[in-house]
Amino acid sequence: MSKLVTIFGGSGFVGRYIARRLAKEGWRIRVAVRNPEQAGFVRPYGVVGQVEPVFCNIRDDASVAAVTKGADAVINCVGVLDEVGKNTFEAVQTEGAGRIARIAAGMGITQMVHVSAIGADAASNSEYARTKAAGEAAVLAHQPDAVILRPSIVFGPEDQFFNRFAGMSRFGPVLPVIGASTKFQPVFVDDVAAAAVNGLQSGASGVYELGGPDVHSFRALMQQMLQVVRRRRLIVNTPFGIARIMASVFGVVQTLTLGIVRAPVTKDQVINLGYDNVVSVDAKTLADLNVKPTAMEAILPDYLWRFRPSGQYDAIKESAKNLRT
């Protein structure tokens, strides 16, 4: 009988790509999510009954145990970029990760992949980075042979990075950014998925930092994005002092509206934007998991075309200009 894996957050941005790859490898998959009725799109990744969305709340022991029972391996892709209600950084990224590892270990499961992030640091000023580091420690306390993946900014069709700024570029001549000189090493989402699958199936262990083939500043990334969407915009850097004030105001508005109005940027995100997000010189990388990183140039046009002035017809219009009359 084929092996069974429970993927926590398996319908999310990274999780769905891991689920698709594991389905092709013949695994049976439980996609553990808060809203399984919204995760039905994962079922066609495999044959009938191979991939099943199931309900899980990673803040609850019984819920995690129910979806872990009988599994041969677990993968945790759950994380939050900002806190909403009970889904705090501590509850999700530290306690949730530790809970999955502890319960899996108690059931005799020794194979675990945990998706963390570059920048995880117990001494960081950022709560996001601190709880990511604490989550890694909690996982290793119960799963010492776990594979921990630390990706840089992840890009792909469903990303919240290039899609977000490409959307912003449609309005006005200015594109504001925070930390224009901060360096990133964007990694393709399917490369992260390949790393997770290879790590799980090869018996690897340890911490791996995942980045693409190139390192760029935030400003350079935005320039590349603007070239893809064929728009000319002035990229304006917002000083960190002003950004912190803006984030504080946005936070108050979000609190007063009970979360109805979402803050476009938080104080914690401003802190993180002050640190480079690149693979360390001495880190184990994609290459150690037998994955060749994919260049952004090969992927961005495939999903950012919809932000061009004429969308899918933009290329046709450019071609028409070259026709001889």
Protein backbone atom coordinates (compact mmCIF):
# COMPACT_ATOMS: atom_id res chain seq x y z
CA MET A 1 0.00 0.00 0.00
CA SER A 2 1.26 3.50 -0.82
CA LYS A 3 2.44 5.72 2.02
CA LEU A 4 0.24 8.35 3.63
CA VAL A 5 1.37 11.91 4.36
CA THR A 6 -0.48 14.65 6.19
CA ILE A 7 0.30 18.11 4.83
CA PHE A 8 -0.71 20.86 7.24
CA GLY A 9 -1.59 23.91 5.16
CA GLY A 10 -1.62 21.71 2.07
CA SER A 11 -3.97 23.98 0.13
CA GLY A 12 -1.84 27.09 0.70
CA PHE A 13 0.60 28.69 -1.69
CA VAL A 14 3.51 26.28 -1.05
CA GLY A 15 1.49 23.35 0.27
CA ARG A 16 -0.51 22.80 -2.91
CA TYR A 17 2.66 22.38 -4.97
CA ILE A 18 4.02 19.86 -2.48
CA ALA A 19 0.72 17.97 -2.58
CA ARG A 20 0.77 17.87 -6.38
CA ARG A 21 4.32 16.53 -6.51
CA LEU A 22 3.73 13.88 -3.83
CA ALA A 23 0.56 12.75 -5.59
CA LYS A 24 2.61 12.14 -8.74
CA GLU A 25 5.02 10.11 -6.61
CA GLY A 26 2.14 7.86 -5.55
CA TRP A 27 1.63 9.07 -1.97
CA ARG A 28 -1.82 9.20 -0.42
CA ILE A 29 -2.32 12.70 0.92
CA ARG A 30 -4.35 14.33 3.67
CA VAL A 31 -4.53 18.05 3.13
CA ALA A 32 -5.14 19.40 6.63
CA VAL A 33 -6.71 22.88 6.49
CA ARG A 34 -9.12 25.12 8.38
CA ASN A 35 -11.64 25.22 5.52
CA PRO A 36 -11.64 21.89 3.65
CA GLU A 37 -14.70 22.94 1.65
CA GLN A 38 -12.51 25.59 0.00
CA ALA A 39 -9.69 23.14 -0.73
CA GLY A 40 -11.51 20.87 -3.16
CA PHE A 41 -9.21 21.98 -5.97
CA VAL A 42 -6.47 19.67 -4.60
CA ARG A 43 -8.46 16.48 -5.29
CA PRO A 44 -7.63 16.33 -9.04
CA TYR A 45 -3.90 16.26 -8.18
CA GLY A 46 -4.27 12.48 -7.88
CA VAL A 47 -6.66 9.68 -8.73
CA VAL A 48 -10.04 9.41 -7.00
CA GLY A 49 -9.56 9.34 -3.24
CA GLN A 50 -5.78 9.85 -3.35
CA VAL A 51 -5.83 13.48 -2.18
CA GLU A 52 -8.39 14.45 0.46
CA PRO A 53 -8.90 17.80 2.23
CA VAL A 54 -9.62 17.35 5.95
CA PHE A 55 -10.38 19.82 8.73
CA CYS A 56 -7.66 20.69 11.22
CA ASN A 57 -6.96 23.44 13.71
CA ILE A 58 -3.25 23.32 14.55
CA ARG A 59 -3.94 25.17 17.81
CA ASP A 60 -5.73 22.07 19.14
CA ASP A 61 -4.08 18.77 20.14
CA ALA A 62 -7.09 16.58 19.38
CA SER A 63 -7.54 18.13 15.94
CA VAL A 64 -3.90 17.59 15.01
CA ALA A 65 -3.95 14.04 16.37
CA ALA A 66 -7.03 13.16 14.35
CA VAL A 67 -5.44 14.04 11.00
CA THR A 68 -2.01 12.64 11.93
CA LYS A 69 -3.15 9.17 12.99
CA GLY A 70 -2.03 6.48 10.55
CA ALA A 71 0.29 8.77 8.59
CA ASP A 72 3.83 7.76 7.62
CA ALA A 73 5.07 11.36 7.43
CA VAL A 74 3.97 14.92 8.16
CA ILE A 75 4.75 18.20 6.42
CA ASN A 76 4.04 21.58 8.01
CA CYS A 77 3.51 24.52 5.67
CA VAL A 78 1.45 26.68 8.03
CA GLY A 79 2.64 30.21 8.71
CA VAL A 80 1.26 33.74 8.99
CA LEU A 81 2.62 37.04 7.70
CA ASP A 82 0.55 39.07 10.14
CA GLU A 83 -1.53 38.23 13.19
CA VAL A 84 -5.31 37.87 12.95
CA GLY A 85 -7.37 37.05 16.03
CA LYS A 86 -6.15 33.87 17.73
CA ASN A 87 -3.77 33.12 14.87
CA THR A 88 -0.82 34.90 16.41
CA PHE A 89 2.80 34.33 15.45
CA GLU A 90 3.35 32.46 18.72
CA ALA A 91 0.25 30.28 18.41
CA VAL A 92 0.82 29.29 14.78
CA GLN A 93 4.54 29.40 14.09
CA THR A 94 5.87 28.24 17.44
CA GLU A 95 3.20 26.33 19.33
CA GLY A 96 1.52 24.95 16.20
CA ALA A 97 4.77 23.67 14.70
CA GLY A 98 5.82 22.13 18.01
CA ARG A 99 2.41 20.52 18.47
CA ILE A 100 2.59 18.80 15.07
CA ALA A 101 6.09 17.50 15.77
CA ARG A 102 5.23 16.31 19.30
CA ILE A 103 2.04 14.50 18.32
CA ALA A 104 3.68 12.92 15.27
CA ALA A 105 6.57 11.68 17.41
CA GLY A 106 4.13 10.26 19.94
CA MET A 107 2.56 8.22 17.13
CA GLY A 108 5.92 6.88 16.04
CA ILE A 109 6.24 9.11 12.98
CA THR A 110 9.87 10.07 12.37
CA GLN A 111 9.64 11.69 8.94
CA MET A 112 8.83 15.41 9.03
CA VAL A 113 9.40 18.39 6.76
CA HIS A 114 8.89 21.84 8.26
CA VAL A 115 8.72 24.98 6.10
CA SER A 116 10.24 27.93 7.96
CA ALA A 117 11.83 31.07 6.47
CA ILE A 118 15.21 32.67 5.86
CA GLY A 119 15.73 35.17 8.65
CA ALA A 120 14.47 32.88 11.42
CA ASP A 121 16.44 34.18 14.40
CA ALA A 122 15.81 33.77 18.10
CA ALA A 123 17.55 37.13 18.74
CA SER A 124 15.70 39.12 16.06
CA ASN A 125 13.76 42.32 16.74
CA SER A 126 10.97 40.86 14.62
CA GLU A 127 8.39 38.68 16.31
CA TYR A 128 7.83 36.89 13.02
CA ALA A 129 11.51 35.91 12.82
CA ARG A 130 11.70 35.00 16.52
CA THR A 131 8.67 32.71 16.39
CA LYS A 132 9.95 31.08 13.21
CA ALA A 133 13.19 30.25 15.05
CA ALA A 134 11.28 29.05 18.11
CA GLY A 135 9.14 26.88 15.83
CA GLU A 136 12.24 25.26 14.35
CA ALA A 137 13.57 24.55 17.85
CA ALA A 138 10.24 23.05 18.90
CA VAL A 139 10.21 20.79 15.84
CA LEU A 140 13.78 19.58 16.38
CA ALA A 141 13.07 18.89 20.07
CA HIS A 142 10.60 16.18 19.01
CA GLN A 143 11.81 15.39 15.48
CA PRO A 144 15.62 15.61 15.56
CA ASP A 145 15.89 14.19 12.02
CA ALA A 146 13.38 16.62 10.50
CA VAL A 147 14.05 18.52 7.28
CA ILE A 148 13.70 22.26 7.87
CA LEU A 149 13.37 24.45 4.79
CA ARG A 150 14.07 28.18 4.95
CA PRO A 151 12.98 29.80 1.67
CA SER A 152 13.61 33.40 0.73
CA ILE A 153 10.71 35.28 -0.91
CA VAL A 154 8.70 32.64 -2.76
CA PHE A 155 7.32 33.54 -6.18
CA GLY A 156 4.80 31.84 -8.41
CA PRO A 157 1.32 32.29 -9.90
CA GLU A 158 -0.41 32.60 -6.52
CA ASP A 159 2.26 34.68 -4.75
CA GLN A 160 1.49 37.73 -2.64
CA PHE A 161 4.67 39.54 -3.62
CA PHE A 162 4.97 40.17 -7.37
CA ASN A 163 1.19 39.95 -7.83
CA ARG A 164 0.66 42.56 -5.14
CA PHE A 165 3.10 45.11 -6.52
CA ALA A 166 2.10 44.45 -10.12
CA GLY A 167 -1.46 45.25 -9.08
CA MET A 168 -0.31 48.45 -7.40
CA SER A 169 1.51 49.49 -10.57
CA ARG A 170 -1.83 49.92 -12.36
CA PHE A 171 -2.69 52.95 -10.24
CA GLY A 172 -0.69 56.15 -10.53
CA PRO A 173 2.81 56.98 -11.72
CA VAL A 174 4.55 56.09 -8.43
CA LEU A 175 5.31 52.68 -6.90
CA PRO A 176 6.22 53.05 -3.21
CA VAL A 177 8.45 50.47 -1.49
CA ILE A 178 10.01 50.10 1.95
CA GLY A 179 13.65 49.04 2.11
CA ALA A 180 14.52 49.56 -1.55
CA SER A 181 18.13 48.47 -0.99
CA THR A 182 17.28 45.33 0.98
CA LYS A 183 18.43 42.21 -0.87
CA PHE A 184 16.28 39.19 -1.69
CA GLN A 185 16.93 35.86 -3.40
CA PRO A 186 13.48 34.88 -4.73
CA VAL A 187 12.84 31.15 -5.09
CA PHE A 188 10.25 29.52 -7.37
CA VAL A 189 7.43 27.86 -5.43
CA ASP A 190 7.74 24.56 -7.31
CA ASP A 191 11.45 24.43 -6.47
CA VAL A 192 10.51 24.68 -2.79
CA ALA A 193 8.03 21.85 -3.34
CA ALA A 194 10.68 19.75 -5.06
CA ALA A 195 13.02 20.35 -2.12
CA ALA A 196 10.34 19.21 0.33
CA VAL A 197 9.58 16.05 -1.65
CA ASN A 198 13.23 15.17 -2.23
CA GLY A 199 14.04 15.81 1.42
CA LEU A 200 11.20 13.59 2.54
CA GLN A 201 11.94 10.71 0.19
CA SER A 202 15.73 10.75 0.42
CA GLY A 203 15.94 10.49 4.19
CA ALA A 204 17.69 13.87 4.45
CA SER A 205 17.75 15.90 7.65
CA GLY A 206 18.90 19.31 8.84
CA VAL A 207 18.31 22.93 7.84
CA TYR A 208 18.34 24.05 4.21
CA GLU A 209 18.19 27.65 2.98
CA LEU A 210 16.40 27.99 -0.34
CA GLY A 211 17.02 30.77 -2.81
CA GLY A 212 16.91 31.26 -6.55
CA PRO A 213 19.92 31.70 -8.84
CA ASP A 214 20.07 35.49 -8.44
CA VAL A 215 20.21 38.06 -5.64
CA HIS A 216 18.54 41.43 -6.25
CA SER A 217 17.66 44.52 -4.26
CA PHE A 218 13.98 45.24 -3.64
CA ARG A 219 14.24 48.13 -6.14
CA ALA A 220 15.78 45.87 -8.80
CA LEU A 221 13.02 43.31 -8.31
CA MET A 222 10.40 45.99 -8.83
CA GLN A 223 12.19 47.21 -11.95
CA GLN A 224 12.17 43.69 -13.34
CA MET A 225 8.50 43.31 -12.51
CA LEU A 226 7.67 46.59 -14.24
CA GLN A 227 9.48 45.43 -17.37
CA VAL A 228 7.37 42.28 -17.41
CA VAL A 229 4.08 44.18 -17.01
CA ARG A 230 5.30 46.84 -19.46
CA ARG A 231 4.67 49.85 -17.28
CA ARG A 232 6.87 52.82 -16.46
CA ARG A 233 6.63 53.85 -12.82
CA LEU A 234 8.79 55.88 -10.48
CA ILE A 235 9.96 53.59 -7.66
CA VAL A 236 10.02 55.67 -4.48
CA ASN A 237 11.68 54.39 -1.31
CA THR A 238 9.81 55.10 1.94
CA PRO A 239 12.30 55.79 4.78
CA PHE A 240 12.05 53.31 7.64
CA GLY A 241 11.18 56.04 10.14
CA ILE A 242 8.17 57.14 8.12
CA ALA A 243 7.25 53.51 7.39
CA ARG A 244 7.13 52.72 11.11
CA ILE A 245 4.80 55.65 11.74
CA MET A 246 2.56 54.59 8.86
CA ALA A 247 2.48 51.00 10.14
CA SER A 248 1.48 52.19 13.61
CA VAL A 249 -1.38 54.26 12.19
CA PHE A 250 -2.53 51.36 9.99
CA GLY A 251 -2.43 49.10 13.04
CA VAL A 252 -4.70 51.42 15.02
CA VAL A 253 -7.16 51.62 12.12
CA GLN A 254 -7.21 47.83 11.83
CA THR A 255 -7.86 47.47 15.55
CA LEU A 256 -10.63 50.08 15.59
CA THR A 257 -12.38 48.45 12.63
CA LEU A 258 -12.05 44.97 14.21
CA GLY A 259 -9.93 43.81 11.28
CA ILE A 260 -12.40 44.88 8.59
CA VAL A 261 -9.81 47.34 7.25
CA ARG A 262 -6.57 45.40 6.87
CA ALA A 263 -3.25 47.16 7.41
CA PRO A 264 -1.26 47.18 4.14
CA VAL A 265 1.94 46.91 6.18
CA THR A 266 2.65 46.10 9.84
CA LYS A 267 5.36 47.25 12.21
CA ASP A 268 6.83 43.75 12.23
CA GLN A 269 6.97 43.65 8.44
CA VAL A 270 8.79 46.99 8.42
CA ILE A 271 11.40 45.50 10.77
CA ASN A 272 11.89 42.49 8.49
CA LEU A 273 12.31 44.70 5.44
CA GLY A 274 15.42 46.13 7.08
CA TYR A 275 17.29 42.83 6.81
CA ASP A 276 18.65 41.08 3.72
CA ASN A 277 16.78 37.88 2.86
CA VAL A 278 19.43 35.75 1.15
CA VAL A 279 21.01 32.32 1.53
CA SER A 280 23.95 32.17 3.95
CA VAL A 281 27.38 31.39 2.54
CA ASP A 282 27.81 28.18 4.54
CA ALA A 283 24.20 26.93 4.38
CA LYS A 284 22.91 23.73 2.80
CA THR A 285 20.86 24.72 -0.24
CA LEU A 286 18.61 23.49 -3.04
CA ALA A 287 21.63 21.82 -4.63
CA ASP A 288 21.98 19.58 -1.57
CA LEU A 289 18.42 18.39 -2.19
CA ASN A 290 19.11 17.80 -5.89
CA VAL A 291 17.04 20.77 -7.08
CA LYS A 292 18.25 23.22 -9.73
CA PRO A 293 16.84 26.71 -9.02
CA THR A 294 14.59 28.30 -11.63
CA ALA A 295 15.25 31.86 -12.81
CA MET A 296 12.51 34.48 -12.36
CA GLU A 297 12.80 35.47 -16.02
CA ALA A 298 11.44 32.07 -17.00
CA ILE A 299 8.36 32.29 -14.80
CA LEU A 300 7.20 35.89 -14.19
CA PRO A 301 5.79 36.52 -17.70
CA ASP A 302 3.62 33.40 -17.38
CA TYR A 303 1.44 34.94 -14.68
CA LEU A 304 2.08 38.68 -14.60
CA TRP A 305 0.85 39.27 -18.16
CA ARG A 306 -2.62 40.09 -16.82
CA PHE A 307 -1.24 43.29 -15.29
CA ARG A 308 -0.06 44.66 -18.64
CA PRO A 309 -2.00 47.64 -20.07
CA SER A 310 -3.77 45.43 -22.60
CA GLY A 311 -3.48 42.16 -20.72
CA GLN A 312 -3.25 39.12 -22.98
CA TYR A 313 -3.48 41.33 -26.07
CA ASP A 314 -0.39 43.38 -25.24
CA ALA A 315 1.97 41.07 -27.15
CA ILE A 316 -0.35 41.11 -30.17
CA LYS A 317 -0.36 44.91 -30.22
CA GLU A 318 3.44 44.99 -30.04
CA SER A 319 3.65 42.54 -32.91
CA ALA A 320 1.19 44.57 -34.96
CA LYS A 321 3.46 47.63 -34.70
CA ASN A 322 6.09 45.73 -36.68
CA LEU A 323 3.77 44.95 -39.58
CA ARG A 324 4.51 46.78 -42.77
CA THR A 325 1.67 48.78 -44.22
